[in-house]
Amino acid sequence: MKARSLHVGFVALSLLCRPALAQDDEGEDGPRTIGSVDVSAFDWRREDTEWRSPTVIERDHMRALAHDLVQGPEGCSERGLRRTRRRVEELHFRMDVVDVRGQSVILVREGDDAFGAGLLAVRCGPAEPIVWQAPHPFFDLGTGDLVLQWFVEGDARAAQWSTSHRFRATEDELREDDVHPADVADEPGSLFQAATVGLLSGNPDLRFVQVHGYAKRSAPRYEAVVSSGDSRYPLREVSARLDGLLGPVAAFGIVDLPLGGQQNAQGRVLPIGTFLHLELSPKSRDRLSEDETLRRRMARAIGDGPW
């Protein structure tokens, strides 16, 4: 596995123009149940969120608690959870333990101070080494709920959601601005990024699937685009496995499309072979949201082979 160079500074990255902009879904309500599972505790939507940049101490604590939670059985042991709860309390965050299909899931989120810190879910016990990520649940229509469905219905180790709108750090922010501080997919100083780094350091076998959505005009011939974040390493095998499920699927680096996530903050810190940037068309998102069998088949296709 070829590791890419790490970004070590917490500086804002310039936002590249993305023609893959999806329709804003900020006002939608999420599901209350998935199958027989009550998922109300997973809700990342808060109307009182006022974004602010996390402190260095907050980033350090988030990285450490994410690391600890995925360190084998110890992470979810009574002793391990006491340690995590202490970190959560020091952050003035909130930790819940919920049951999902007979397994405990640890939820870590911000407390009364809603500043866009994100929601982290970690499954205890046996799990697949997959982390589902939704960095733009308020903007890429349906992606937050898809990540929730994949996590609850499957056996992934963890999932992450941003709890801030990518273009709403300030009241006067415009989509055309060069920098968007609340866009966790482009901002390496976010708690979303800190949790990503912590998860991988706690369990180097983890693989991260980051789900995005694009407007059909950005890739009219395709129903999905898959990328490693680096055009030198196109995901041919993944595109072939998904092609039969969704329709034509493009592999960035083979097909010339502007949907490769080359400036993605998580992709730039994760080693090649551990990051899958998944762009879904409106049709694919609609089909997946409505068809549990298709979701399960796609999750298997993603997780069962090499990236």
C-alpha atoms as a PDB file:
ATOM      1  CA  MET A   1       0.000   0.000   0.000  1.00  0.00           C
ATOM      2  CA  LYS A   2       1.453   3.352  -1.054  1.00  0.00           C
ATOM      3  CA  ALA A   3       1.058   6.029   1.604  1.00  0.00           C
ATOM      4  CA  ARG A   4       0.572   9.572   0.483  1.00  0.00           C
ATOM      5  CA  SER A   5       2.216  12.467   2.271  1.00  0.00           C
ATOM      6  CA  LEU A   6       0.403  13.669   5.402  1.00  0.00           C
ATOM      7  CA  HIS A   7      -0.973  17.157   5.761  1.00  0.00           C
ATOM      8  CA  VAL A   8       0.307  18.351   9.081  1.00  0.00           C
ATOM      9  CA  GLY A   9      -0.953  21.898   9.271  1.00  0.00           C
ATOM     10  CA  PHE A  10      -4.443  22.910  10.268  1.00  0.00           C
ATOM     11  CA  VAL A  11      -4.840  25.540   7.578  1.00  0.00           C
ATOM     12  CA  ALA A  12      -7.879  26.164   5.423  1.00  0.00           C
ATOM     13  CA  LEU A  13      -7.678  24.789   1.909  1.00  0.00           C
ATOM     14  CA  SER A  14      -8.965  26.760  -1.016  1.00  0.00           C
ATOM     15  CA  LEU A  15     -12.185  25.253  -2.324  1.00  0.00           C
ATOM     16  CA  LEU A  16     -11.898  24.160  -5.904  1.00  0.00           C
ATOM     17  CA  CYS A  17     -14.884  24.809  -8.131  1.00  0.00           C
ATOM     18  CA  ARG A  18     -17.071  21.705  -8.010  1.00  0.00           C
ATOM     19  CA  PRO A  19     -19.569  21.273 -10.790  1.00  0.00           C
ATOM     20  CA  ALA A  20     -20.876  18.316  -8.773  1.00  0.00           C
ATOM     21  CA  LEU A  21     -23.113  20.482  -6.631  1.00  0.00           C
ATOM     22  CA  ALA A  22     -26.230  18.731  -5.440  1.00  0.00           C
ATOM     23  CA  GLN A  23     -29.487  20.271  -4.359  1.00  0.00           C
ATOM     24  CA  ASP A  24     -29.564  21.572  -0.801  1.00  0.00           C
ATOM     25  CA  ASP A  25     -31.573  19.298   1.537  1.00  0.00           C
ATOM     26  CA  GLU A  26     -31.175  21.216   4.778  1.00  0.00           C
ATOM     27  CA  GLY A  27     -34.869  21.223   5.558  1.00  0.00           C
ATOM     28  CA  GLU A  28     -35.524  17.496   5.224  1.00  0.00           C
ATOM     29  CA  ASP A  29     -36.268  15.281   8.200  1.00  0.00           C
ATOM     30  CA  GLY A  30     -34.464  11.977   8.529  1.00  0.00           C
ATOM     31  CA  PRO A  31     -35.917   8.519   9.185  1.00  0.00           C
ATOM     32  CA  ARG A  32     -36.995   7.648  12.720  1.00  0.00           C
ATOM     33  CA  THR A  33     -36.655   3.904  12.169  1.00  0.00           C
ATOM     34  CA  ILE A  34     -34.714   1.691   9.773  1.00  0.00           C
ATOM     35  CA  GLY A  35     -36.325  -1.710   9.748  1.00  0.00           C
ATOM     36  CA  SER A  36     -37.063  -2.362  13.415  1.00  0.00           C
ATOM     37  CA  VAL A  37     -34.227  -0.141  14.662  1.00  0.00           C
ATOM     38  CA  ASP A  38     -35.010   3.200  16.295  1.00  0.00           C
ATOM     39  CA  VAL A  39     -32.434   5.594  14.800  1.00  0.00           C
ATOM     40  CA  SER A  40     -33.631   8.837  16.367  1.00  0.00           C
ATOM     41  CA  ALA A  41     -30.423   9.019  18.452  1.00  0.00           C
ATOM     42  CA  PHE A  42     -28.389   9.250  15.227  1.00  0.00           C
ATOM     43  CA  ASP A  43     -29.933  12.535  14.118  1.00  0.00           C
ATOM     44  CA  TRP A  44     -27.229  14.971  13.044  1.00  0.00           C
ATOM     45  CA  ARG A  45     -29.673  17.812  12.296  1.00  0.00           C
ATOM     46  CA  ARG A  46     -29.732  20.667  14.811  1.00  0.00           C
ATOM     47  CA  GLU A  47     -31.380  23.993  14.111  1.00  0.00           C
ATOM     48  CA  ASP A  48     -29.301  25.790  16.752  1.00  0.00           C
ATOM     49  CA  THR A  49     -25.889  25.056  15.215  1.00  0.00           C
ATOM     50  CA  GLU A  50     -23.586  28.072  15.033  1.00  0.00           C
ATOM     51  CA  TRP A  51     -20.311  27.032  13.464  1.00  0.00           C
ATOM     52  CA  ARG A  52     -16.975  27.812  15.056  1.00  0.00           C
ATOM     53  CA  SER A  53     -13.494  26.423  14.526  1.00  0.00           C
ATOM     54  CA  PRO A  54     -12.514  23.686  17.006  1.00  0.00           C
ATOM     55  CA  THR A  55      -9.631  24.284  19.368  1.00  0.00           C
ATOM     56  CA  VAL A  56      -6.375  22.335  19.325  1.00  0.00           C
ATOM     57  CA  ILE A  57      -7.412  20.658  22.592  1.00  0.00           C
ATOM     58  CA  GLU A  58     -10.748  19.602  21.083  1.00  0.00           C
ATOM     59  CA  ARG A  59      -8.975  18.123  18.057  1.00  0.00           C
ATOM     60  CA  ASP A  60      -6.538  16.225  20.287  1.00  0.00           C
ATOM     61  CA  HIS A  61      -9.347  14.785  22.422  1.00  0.00           C
ATOM     62  CA  MET A  62     -11.409  13.765  19.386  1.00  0.00           C
ATOM     63  CA  ARG A  63      -8.429  12.064  17.776  1.00  0.00           C
ATOM     64  CA  ALA A  64      -7.643  10.210  21.012  1.00  0.00           C
ATOM     65  CA  LEU A  65     -11.172   9.027  21.751  1.00  0.00           C
ATOM     66  CA  ALA A  66     -11.703   7.828  18.163  1.00  0.00           C
ATOM     67  CA  HIS A  67      -8.391   5.965  18.391  1.00  0.00           C
ATOM     68  CA  ASP A  68      -9.374   4.330  21.678  1.00  0.00           C
ATOM     69  CA  LEU A  69     -12.858   3.262  20.566  1.00  0.00           C
ATOM     70  CA  VAL A  70     -11.587   1.073  17.702  1.00  0.00           C
ATOM     71  CA  GLN A  71      -8.675  -0.558  19.512  1.00  0.00           C
ATOM     72  CA  GLY A  72     -10.201  -4.018  19.657  1.00  0.00           C
ATOM     73  CA  PRO A  73     -12.302  -5.308  22.571  1.00  0.00           C
ATOM     74  CA  GLU A  74     -10.599  -2.900  24.988  1.00  0.00           C
ATOM     75  CA  GLY A  75     -12.215   0.086  23.276  1.00  0.00           C
ATOM     76  CA  CYS A  76     -15.720  -0.980  24.255  1.00  0.00           C
ATOM     77  CA  SER A  77     -14.817  -2.569  27.578  1.00  0.00           C
ATOM     78  CA  GLU A  78     -16.107  -1.016  30.785  1.00  0.00           C
ATOM     79  CA  ARG A  79     -12.678   0.434  31.433  1.00  0.00           C
ATOM     80  CA  GLY A  80     -12.325   1.715  27.871  1.00  0.00           C
ATOM     81  CA  LEU A  81     -15.717   3.386  27.900  1.00  0.00           C
ATOM     82  CA  ARG A  82     -14.943   5.082  31.231  1.00  0.00           C
ATOM     83  CA  ARG A  83     -11.841   6.578  29.622  1.00  0.00           C
ATOM     84  CA  THR A  84     -13.841   7.707  26.578  1.00  0.00           C
ATOM     85  CA  ARG A  85     -16.567   9.186  28.747  1.00  0.00           C
ATOM     86  CA  ARG A  86     -13.957  11.231  30.643  1.00  0.00           C
ATOM     87  CA  ARG A  87     -12.658  12.630  27.354  1.00  0.00           C
ATOM     88  CA  VAL A  88     -16.209  13.383  26.216  1.00  0.00           C
ATOM     89  CA  GLU A  89     -16.939  15.229  29.468  1.00  0.00           C
ATOM     90  CA  GLU A  90     -13.730  17.244  29.146  1.00  0.00           C
ATOM     91  CA  LEU A  91     -14.931  18.295  25.691  1.00  0.00           C
ATOM     92  CA  HIS A  92     -18.388  19.119  27.101  1.00  0.00           C
ATOM     93  CA  PHE A  93     -19.693  16.691  24.498  1.00  0.00           C
ATOM     94  CA  ARG A  94     -22.274  13.937  24.885  1.00  0.00           C
ATOM     95  CA  MET A  95     -21.840  10.159  24.692  1.00  0.00           C
ATOM     96  CA  ASP A  96     -24.698   7.697  24.261  1.00  0.00           C
ATOM     97  CA  VAL A  97     -24.747   3.914  24.028  1.00  0.00           C
ATOM     98  CA  VAL A  98     -27.555   2.574  21.829  1.00  0.00           C
ATOM     99  CA  ASP A  99     -28.557  -0.889  20.699  1.00  0.00           C
ATOM    100  CA  VAL A 100     -28.462  -1.655  16.989  1.00  0.00           C
ATOM    101  CA  ARG A 101     -29.554  -5.163  16.068  1.00  0.00           C
ATOM    102  CA  GLY A 102     -28.200  -6.620  19.304  1.00  0.00           C
ATOM    103  CA  GLN A 103     -24.878  -4.764  19.300  1.00  0.00           C
ATOM    104  CA  SER A 104     -23.860  -1.711  21.272  1.00  0.00           C
ATOM    105  CA  VAL A 105     -23.055   1.423  19.275  1.00  0.00           C
ATOM    106  CA  ILE A 106     -21.226   4.356  20.863  1.00  0.00           C
ATOM    107  CA  LEU A 107     -22.395   7.790  19.714  1.00  0.00           C
ATOM    108  CA  VAL A 108     -20.224  10.847  20.349  1.00  0.00           C
ATOM    109  CA  ARG A 109     -21.509  14.319  19.517  1.00  0.00           C
ATOM    110  CA  GLU A 110     -21.407  17.896  20.713  1.00  0.00           C
ATOM    111  CA  GLY A 111     -23.429  18.850  23.776  1.00  0.00           C
ATOM    112  CA  ASP A 112     -25.265  22.109  24.410  1.00  0.00           C
ATOM    113  CA  ASP A 113     -22.702  24.073  22.387  1.00  0.00           C
ATOM    114  CA  ALA A 114     -23.749  23.106  18.856  1.00  0.00           C
ATOM    115  CA  PHE A 115     -20.874  24.320  16.685  1.00  0.00           C
ATOM    116  CA  GLY A 116     -20.724  21.695  13.936  1.00  0.00           C
ATOM    117  CA  ALA A 117     -18.464  19.178  15.682  1.00  0.00           C
ATOM    118  CA  GLY A 118     -19.954  16.188  13.872  1.00  0.00           C
ATOM    119  CA  LEU A 119     -21.454  12.855  14.921  1.00  0.00           C
ATOM    120  CA  LEU A 120     -19.296   9.742  15.340  1.00  0.00           C
ATOM    121  CA  ALA A 121     -20.784   6.253  15.670  1.00  0.00           C
ATOM    122  CA  VAL A 122     -18.645   3.216  16.581  1.00  0.00           C
ATOM    123  CA  ARG A 123     -19.969  -0.337  16.657  1.00  0.00           C
ATOM    124  CA  CYS A 124     -18.752  -2.593  19.469  1.00  0.00           C
ATOM    125  CA  GLY A 125     -18.073  -6.293  18.983  1.00  0.00           C
ATOM    126  CA  PRO A 126     -17.528  -8.048  15.631  1.00  0.00           C
ATOM    127  CA  ALA A 127     -17.620  -5.655  12.692  1.00  0.00           C
ATOM    128  CA  GLU A 128     -16.396  -5.163   9.150  1.00  0.00           C
ATOM    129  CA  PRO A 129     -13.395  -2.791   8.863  1.00  0.00           C
ATOM    130  CA  ILE A 130     -15.442  -0.137   7.045  1.00  0.00           C
ATOM    131  CA  VAL A 131     -16.134   3.479   8.011  1.00  0.00           C
ATOM    132  CA  TRP A 132     -18.989   5.251   6.198  1.00  0.00           C
ATOM    133  CA  GLN A 133     -18.632   9.043   5.959  1.00  0.00           C
ATOM    134  CA  ALA A 134     -21.154  11.782   5.101  1.00  0.00           C
ATOM    135  CA  PRO A 135     -19.274  15.100   4.986  1.00  0.00           C
ATOM    136  CA  HIS A 136     -22.109  17.018   3.269  1.00  0.00           C
ATOM    137  CA  PRO A 137     -25.401  15.641   4.637  1.00  0.00           C
ATOM    138  CA  PHE A 138     -27.060  19.071   4.457  1.00  0.00           C
ATOM    139  CA  PHE A 139     -26.037  19.659   0.858  1.00  0.00           C
ATOM    140  CA  ASP A 140     -25.569  16.426  -1.112  1.00  0.00           C
ATOM    141  CA  LEU A 141     -29.178  15.320  -1.188  1.00  0.00           C
ATOM    142  CA  GLY A 142     -29.818  12.078   0.691  1.00  0.00           C
ATOM    143  CA  THR A 143     -26.219  11.146   1.460  1.00  0.00           C
ATOM    144  CA  GLY A 144     -26.558  11.479   5.232  1.00  0.00           C
ATOM    145  CA  ASP A 145     -29.510   9.119   5.342  1.00  0.00           C
ATOM    146  CA  LEU A 146     -27.787   6.653   2.994  1.00  0.00           C
ATOM    147  CA  VAL A 147     -24.787   6.473   5.311  1.00  0.00           C
ATOM    148  CA  LEU A 148     -27.170   5.879   8.213  1.00  0.00           C
ATOM    149  CA  GLN A 149     -28.941   3.088   6.327  1.00  0.00           C
ATOM    150  CA  TRP A 150     -25.678   1.403   5.361  1.00  0.00           C
ATOM    151  CA  PHE A 151     -24.372   1.616   8.919  1.00  0.00           C
ATOM    152  CA  VAL A 152     -27.527   0.368  10.643  1.00  0.00           C
ATOM    153  CA  GLU A 153     -28.331  -2.405   8.160  1.00  0.00           C
ATOM    154  CA  GLY A 154     -24.756  -3.617   7.835  1.00  0.00           C
ATOM    155  CA  ASP A 155     -21.811  -4.414  10.073  1.00  0.00           C
ATOM    156  CA  ALA A 156     -19.438  -1.495   9.498  1.00  0.00           C
ATOM    157  CA  ARG A 157     -17.188  -0.558  12.381  1.00  0.00           C
ATOM    158  CA  ALA A 158     -17.966   3.163  12.310  1.00  0.00           C
ATOM    159  CA  ALA A 159     -19.737   6.044  10.608  1.00  0.00           C
ATOM    160  CA  GLN A 160     -19.292   9.822  10.594  1.00  0.00           C
ATOM    161  CA  TRP A 161     -21.582  12.721   9.747  1.00  0.00           C
ATOM    162  CA  SER A 162     -20.842  16.416   9.552  1.00  0.00           C
ATOM    163  CA  THR A 163     -23.284  18.482  11.606  1.00  0.00           C
ATOM    164  CA  SER A 164     -22.622  21.751   9.795  1.00  0.00           C
ATOM    165  CA  HIS A 165     -23.639  23.021   6.369  1.00  0.00           C
ATOM    166  CA  ARG A 166     -20.580  23.235   4.140  1.00  0.00           C
ATOM    167  CA  PHE A 167     -21.413  26.795   3.016  1.00  0.00           C
ATOM    168  CA  ARG A 168     -22.857  28.249   6.242  1.00  0.00           C
ATOM    169  CA  ALA A 169     -19.897  29.040   8.495  1.00  0.00           C
ATOM    170  CA  THR A 170     -20.986  32.682   8.492  1.00  0.00           C
ATOM    171  CA  GLU A 171     -24.233  34.424   7.585  1.00  0.00           C
ATOM    172  CA  ASP A 172     -22.690  36.242   4.625  1.00  0.00           C
ATOM    173  CA  GLU A 173     -20.796  33.245   3.204  1.00  0.00           C
ATOM    174  CA  LEU A 174     -21.273  32.628  -0.512  1.00  0.00           C
ATOM    175  CA  ARG A 175     -20.793  29.423  -2.448  1.00  0.00           C
ATOM    176  CA  GLU A 176     -18.378  31.282  -4.712  1.00  0.00           C
ATOM    177  CA  ASP A 177     -16.025  32.152  -1.823  1.00  0.00           C
ATOM    178  CA  ASP A 178     -12.502  30.746  -2.030  1.00  0.00           C
ATOM    179  CA  VAL A 179     -12.561  29.235   1.471  1.00  0.00           C
ATOM    180  CA  HIS A 180     -15.389  27.480   3.313  1.00  0.00           C
ATOM    181  CA  PRO A 181     -14.292  26.856   6.915  1.00  0.00           C
ATOM    182  CA  ALA A 182     -17.218  24.536   7.749  1.00  0.00           C
ATOM    183  CA  ASP A 183     -16.643  22.220   4.768  1.00  0.00           C
ATOM    184  CA  VAL A 184     -15.106  19.232   6.541  1.00  0.00           C
ATOM    185  CA  ALA A 185     -14.162  17.514   3.273  1.00  0.00           C
ATOM    186  CA  ASP A 186     -11.831  20.410   2.477  1.00  0.00           C
ATOM    187  CA  GLU A 187     -10.835  21.659   5.946  1.00  0.00           C
ATOM    188  CA  PRO A 188      -8.042  19.640   7.606  1.00  0.00           C
ATOM    189  CA  GLY A 189      -8.581  21.384  10.942  1.00  0.00           C
ATOM    190  CA  SER A 190     -12.064  19.956  11.548  1.00  0.00           C
ATOM    191  CA  LEU A 191     -13.076  17.467  14.223  1.00  0.00           C
ATOM    192  CA  PHE A 192     -14.312  15.261  11.366  1.00  0.00           C
ATOM    193  CA  GLN A 193     -10.682  15.092  10.205  1.00  0.00           C
ATOM    194  CA  ALA A 194      -9.407  14.505  13.735  1.00  0.00           C
ATOM    195  CA  ALA A 195     -11.808  11.582  14.163  1.00  0.00           C
ATOM    196  CA  THR A 196     -10.736  10.144  10.787  1.00  0.00           C
ATOM    197  CA  VAL A 197      -7.065  10.229  11.791  1.00  0.00           C
ATOM    198  CA  GLY A 198      -7.875   8.757  15.192  1.00  0.00           C
ATOM    199  CA  LEU A 199      -9.890   5.888  13.744  1.00  0.00           C
ATOM    200  CA  LEU A 200      -7.130   4.896  11.328  1.00  0.00           C
ATOM    201  CA  SER A 201      -4.392   5.142  13.969  1.00  0.00           C
ATOM    202  CA  GLY A 202      -6.493   3.000  16.305  1.00  0.00           C
ATOM    203  CA  ASN A 203      -7.129   0.376  13.629  1.00  0.00           C
ATOM    204  CA  PRO A 204      -4.963   0.579  10.479  1.00  0.00           C
ATOM    205  CA  ASP A 205      -7.125  -2.078   8.800  1.00  0.00           C
ATOM    206  CA  LEU A 206     -10.059   0.325   8.480  1.00  0.00           C
ATOM    207  CA  ARG A 207     -11.208   1.507   5.036  1.00  0.00           C
ATOM    208  CA  PHE A 208     -13.186   4.707   4.566  1.00  0.00           C
ATOM    209  CA  VAL A 209     -16.091   5.176   2.133  1.00  0.00           C
ATOM    210  CA  GLN A 210     -16.997   8.839   1.735  1.00  0.00           C
ATOM    211  CA  VAL A 211     -20.380   9.405   0.100  1.00  0.00           C
ATOM    212  CA  HIS A 212     -21.133  12.460  -2.053  1.00  0.00           C
ATOM    213  CA  GLY A 213     -23.781  13.466  -4.570  1.00  0.00           C
ATOM    214  CA  TYR A 214     -23.534  15.328  -7.853  1.00  0.00           C
ATOM    215  CA  ALA A 215     -25.864  17.001 -10.291  1.00  0.00           C
ATOM    216  CA  LYS A 216     -26.465  14.811 -13.326  1.00  0.00           C
ATOM    217  CA  ARG A 217     -25.061  17.417 -15.710  1.00  0.00           C
ATOM    218  CA  SER A 218     -21.623  16.933 -14.165  1.00  0.00           C
ATOM    219  CA  ALA A 219     -21.375  13.346 -15.426  1.00  0.00           C
ATOM    220  CA  PRO A 220     -24.393  12.753 -17.712  1.00  0.00           C
ATOM    221  CA  ARG A 221     -23.163   9.366 -18.968  1.00  0.00           C
ATOM    222  CA  TYR A 222     -22.605   7.863 -15.514  1.00  0.00           C
ATOM    223  CA  GLU A 223     -24.595   6.937 -12.416  1.00  0.00           C
ATOM    224  CA  ALA A 224     -21.595   7.031 -10.089  1.00  0.00           C
ATOM    225  CA  VAL A 225     -17.936   8.034 -10.015  1.00  0.00           C
ATOM    226  CA  VAL A 226     -15.392   6.278  -7.799  1.00  0.00           C
ATOM    227  CA  SER A 227     -11.987   7.662  -6.916  1.00  0.00           C
ATOM    228  CA  SER A 228      -9.026   7.039  -4.645  1.00  0.00           C
ATOM    229  CA  GLY A 229      -8.513  10.792  -4.564  1.00  0.00           C
ATOM    230  CA  ASP A 230      -5.472  10.386  -6.808  1.00  0.00           C
ATOM    231  CA  SER A 231      -5.762  10.002 -10.589  1.00  0.00           C
ATOM    232  CA  ARG A 232      -2.608   7.859 -10.602  1.00  0.00           C
ATOM    233  CA  TYR A 233      -4.482   5.106  -8.759  1.00  0.00           C
ATOM    234  CA  PRO A 234      -7.855   4.621 -10.514  1.00  0.00           C
ATOM    235  CA  LEU A 235     -10.314   2.241  -8.856  1.00  0.00           C
ATOM    236  CA  ARG A 236     -10.935  -0.039 -11.848  1.00  0.00           C
ATOM    237  CA  GLU A 237     -12.014  -3.041  -9.782  1.00  0.00           C
ATOM    238  CA  VAL A 238     -14.505  -1.034  -7.719  1.00  0.00           C
ATOM    239  CA  SER A 239     -16.064   0.610 -10.779  1.00  0.00           C
ATOM    240  CA  ALA A 240     -16.428  -2.804 -12.426  1.00  0.00           C
ATOM    241  CA  ARG A 241     -18.129  -4.288  -9.360  1.00  0.00           C
ATOM    242  CA  LEU A 242     -20.571  -1.376  -9.056  1.00  0.00           C
ATOM    243  CA  ASP A 243     -21.255  -1.036 -12.774  1.00  0.00           C
ATOM    244  CA  GLY A 244     -23.627  -3.998 -12.777  1.00  0.00           C
ATOM    245  CA  LEU A 245     -25.616  -2.597  -9.853  1.00  0.00           C
ATOM    246  CA  LEU A 246     -26.082   1.091 -10.652  1.00  0.00           C
ATOM    247  CA  GLY A 247     -25.486   1.400 -14.369  1.00  0.00           C
ATOM    248  CA  PRO A 248     -22.359   2.956 -15.876  1.00  0.00           C
ATOM    249  CA  VAL A 249     -19.802   3.755 -13.160  1.00  0.00           C
ATOM    250  CA  ALA A 250     -16.707   5.821 -13.970  1.00  0.00           C
ATOM    251  CA  ALA A 251     -13.296   5.351 -12.387  1.00  0.00           C
ATOM    252  CA  PHE A 252     -11.599   8.700 -11.891  1.00  0.00           C
ATOM    253  CA  GLY A 253      -8.197   8.652 -13.556  1.00  0.00           C
ATOM    254  CA  ILE A 254      -9.472   6.560 -16.453  1.00  0.00           C
ATOM    255  CA  VAL A 255     -12.440   8.754 -17.295  1.00  0.00           C
ATOM    256  CA  ASP A 256     -11.762  12.497 -17.439  1.00  0.00           C
ATOM    257  CA  LEU A 257     -14.280  13.938 -14.961  1.00  0.00           C
ATOM    258  CA  PRO A 258     -14.017  16.696 -12.321  1.00  0.00           C
ATOM    259  CA  LEU A 259     -15.370  14.494  -9.509  1.00  0.00           C
ATOM    260  CA  GLY A 260     -12.254  12.857  -8.134  1.00  0.00           C
ATOM    261  CA  GLY A 261     -11.934  14.486  -4.721  1.00  0.00           C
ATOM    262  CA  GLN A 262      -8.299  15.396  -5.337  1.00  0.00           C
ATOM    263  CA  GLN A 263      -8.391  18.164  -2.734  1.00  0.00           C
ATOM    264  CA  ASN A 264     -10.343  16.088  -0.206  1.00  0.00           C
ATOM    265  CA  ALA A 265      -8.882  16.554   3.273  1.00  0.00           C
ATOM    266  CA  GLN A 266      -9.542  12.981   4.388  1.00  0.00           C
ATOM    267  CA  GLY A 267      -8.277  11.518   1.123  1.00  0.00           C
ATOM    268  CA  ARG A 268      -5.050  13.466   1.443  1.00  0.00           C
ATOM    269  CA  VAL A 269      -4.274  12.065   4.887  1.00  0.00           C
ATOM    270  CA  LEU A 270      -5.385   8.436   4.368  1.00  0.00           C
ATOM    271  CA  PRO A 271      -3.074   5.939   2.605  1.00  0.00           C
ATOM    272  CA  ILE A 272      -3.881   4.733  -0.896  1.00  0.00           C
ATOM    273  CA  GLY A 273      -6.087   1.672  -0.599  1.00  0.00           C
ATOM    274  CA  THR A 274      -7.996   2.941   2.447  1.00  0.00           C
ATOM    275  CA  PHE A 275     -10.070   5.768   0.915  1.00  0.00           C
ATOM    276  CA  LEU A 276     -12.970   5.525  -1.529  1.00  0.00           C
ATOM    277  CA  HIS A 277     -14.506   8.782  -2.720  1.00  0.00           C
ATOM    278  CA  LEU A 278     -17.970   7.805  -3.976  1.00  0.00           C
ATOM    279  CA  GLU A 279     -20.013  10.257  -6.034  1.00  0.00           C
ATOM    280  CA  LEU A 280     -23.636   9.244  -6.694  1.00  0.00           C
ATOM    281  CA  SER A 281     -26.033  10.633  -9.290  1.00  0.00           C
ATOM    282  CA  PRO A 282     -29.534  11.726  -8.257  1.00  0.00           C
ATOM    283  CA  LYS A 283     -30.969   8.531  -9.777  1.00  0.00           C
ATOM    284  CA  SER A 284     -28.521   6.322  -7.872  1.00  0.00           C
ATOM    285  CA  ARG A 285     -29.279   8.066  -4.589  1.00  0.00           C
ATOM    286  CA  ASP A 286     -33.018   7.690  -5.144  1.00  0.00           C
ATOM    287  CA  ARG A 287     -32.718   3.997  -6.021  1.00  0.00           C
ATOM    288  CA  LEU A 288     -30.438   3.240  -3.095  1.00  0.00           C
ATOM    289  CA  SER A 289     -32.607   5.103  -0.590  1.00  0.00           C
ATOM    290  CA  GLU A 290     -35.641   3.026  -1.600  1.00  0.00           C
ATOM    291  CA  ASP A 291     -34.111  -0.420  -2.149  1.00  0.00           C
ATOM    292  CA  GLU A 292     -32.591  -2.235   0.829  1.00  0.00           C
ATOM    293  CA  THR A 293     -31.492  -5.174  -1.324  1.00  0.00           C
ATOM    294  CA  LEU A 294     -29.595  -2.839  -3.638  1.00  0.00           C
ATOM    295  CA  ARG A 295     -27.970  -1.138  -0.652  1.00  0.00           C
ATOM    296  CA  ARG A 296     -26.805  -4.472   0.733  1.00  0.00           C
ATOM    297  CA  ARG A 297     -25.474  -5.631  -2.631  1.00  0.00           C
ATOM    298  CA  MET A 298     -23.606  -2.376  -3.088  1.00  0.00           C
ATOM    299  CA  ALA A 299     -22.101  -2.503   0.395  1.00  0.00           C
ATOM    300  CA  ARG A 300     -20.849  -6.036  -0.326  1.00  0.00           C
ATOM    301  CA  ALA A 301     -19.464  -4.978  -3.699  1.00  0.00           C
ATOM    302  CA  ILE A 302     -17.561  -2.140  -2.049  1.00  0.00           C
ATOM    303  CA  GLY A 303     -16.252  -4.092   0.919  1.00  0.00           C
ATOM    304  CA  ASP A 304     -15.514  -7.525  -0.546  1.00  0.00           C
ATOM    305  CA  GLY A 305     -12.751  -6.632  -2.976  1.00  0.00           C
ATOM    306  CA  PRO A 306      -9.634  -4.518  -3.356  1.00  0.00           C
ATOM    307  CA  TRP A 307      -9.698  -0.771  -3.846  1.00  0.00           C
END
